[in-house]
Structures are given as C-alpha cells and as structure tokens.
Amino acid sequence: MSTYQQLLQNSIILIIIALNSYAISTGIRLGSAWGIIFSLASLAALTYCIHLFRKLKEVENSEEYEE
C-alpha cells in the first residue's frame, strides 16, 4: 500500500509542477506579474508540502522501529 501511496504522491507532484510551469510561461507571455507571483507562491507551497511528506515518512519509519 505504501508503494501505491508514494507513486500517487509523486505523480500528483509532477502534475502540479507541470501546471505551474505552464502558468509561469503563460504569465510571462502575457506580461501578467500577478500570474507569475501566484505561480511562484504555489511552487513554494508545493516545496513545503514535499518537506512535510518527508518528515512524515521519517516519523512513520521511526515509529515502526520502536515497536
């Protein structure tokens, strides 16, 4: 089950990165500063979510070793 969950998380992350890349390129092409700013903020939030996923995995692994 963990393998499928990790595969799903990775695929969602890749989809979000692709959508953000498209949004940034569209913002640059149209000259929309707000579009670029919100896309970069979304990428920053995604980076923080990835960091939290890694922390959660570390906590789960440490709990398994304690039992």
Protein backbone atom coordinates (compact mmCIF):
# COMPACT_ATOMS: atom_id res chain seq x y z
CA MET A 1 0.00 0.00 0.00
CA SER A 2 2.85 2.35 0.78
CA THR A 3 4.28 1.94 -2.73
CA TYR A 4 0.99 2.98 -4.33
CA GLN A 5 0.69 5.95 -1.99
CA GLN A 6 4.21 7.08 -2.83
CA LEU A 7 3.54 6.64 -6.56
CA LEU A 8 0.36 8.69 -6.25
CA GLN A 9 2.13 11.45 -4.33
CA ASN A 10 4.92 11.62 -6.89
CA SER A 11 2.52 11.73 -9.82
CA ILE A 12 0.45 14.48 -8.20
CA ILE A 13 3.61 16.47 -7.52
CA LEU A 14 4.72 16.12 -11.15
CA ILE A 15 1.30 17.21 -12.41
CA ILE A 16 1.35 20.28 -10.15
CA ILE A 17 4.86 21.19 -11.31
CA ALA A 18 3.77 20.87 -14.94
CA LEU A 19 0.72 23.07 -14.36
CA ASN A 20 2.81 25.66 -12.54
CA SER A 21 5.34 25.70 -15.36
CA TYR A 22 2.53 26.31 -17.81
CA ALA A 23 1.11 29.08 -15.61
CA ILE A 24 4.51 30.77 -15.30
CA SER A 25 5.11 30.62 -19.05
CA THR A 26 1.63 32.00 -19.75
CA GLY A 27 2.19 34.77 -17.21
CA ILE A 28 5.48 35.69 -18.85
CA ARG A 29 3.98 35.58 -22.33
CA LEU A 30 1.04 37.77 -21.34
CA GLY A 31 3.12 40.03 -19.10
CA SER A 32 0.99 39.28 -16.03
CA ALA A 33 3.00 39.93 -12.89
CA TRP A 34 0.27 38.58 -10.59
CA GLY A 35 0.14 35.31 -12.54
CA ILE A 36 3.87 34.85 -12.15
CA ILE A 37 3.80 35.75 -8.46
CA PHE A 38 0.95 33.34 -7.67
CA SER A 39 2.60 30.55 -9.66
CA LEU A 40 5.87 31.01 -7.79
CA ALA A 41 4.00 31.11 -4.47
CA SER A 42 2.28 27.87 -5.43
CA LEU A 43 5.66 26.29 -6.16
CA ALA A 44 6.90 27.45 -2.76
CA ALA A 45 3.86 25.86 -1.10
CA LEU A 46 4.50 22.66 -3.04
CA THR A 47 8.11 22.62 -1.84
CA TYR A 48 6.91 22.95 1.76
CA CYS A 49 4.42 20.10 1.23
CA ILE A 50 7.21 17.89 -0.09
CA HIS A 51 9.24 18.76 3.00
CA LEU A 52 6.28 17.76 5.21
CA PHE A 53 5.87 14.46 3.30
CA ARG A 54 9.50 13.63 4.02
CA LYS A 55 9.12 14.50 7.71
CA LEU A 56 6.01 12.34 7.94
CA LYS A 57 7.84 9.42 6.35
CA GLU A 58 10.68 9.81 8.85
CA VAL A 59 8.24 9.79 11.77
CA GLU A 60 6.45 6.71 10.41
CA ASN A 61 9.78 4.90 9.97
CA SER A 62 10.94 5.78 13.48
CA GLU A 63 7.64 4.54 14.96
CA GLU A 64 7.99 1.24 13.12
CA TYR A 65 11.46 0.68 14.56
CA GLU A 66 10.27 1.45 18.10
CA GLU A 67 7.61 -1.26 18.04
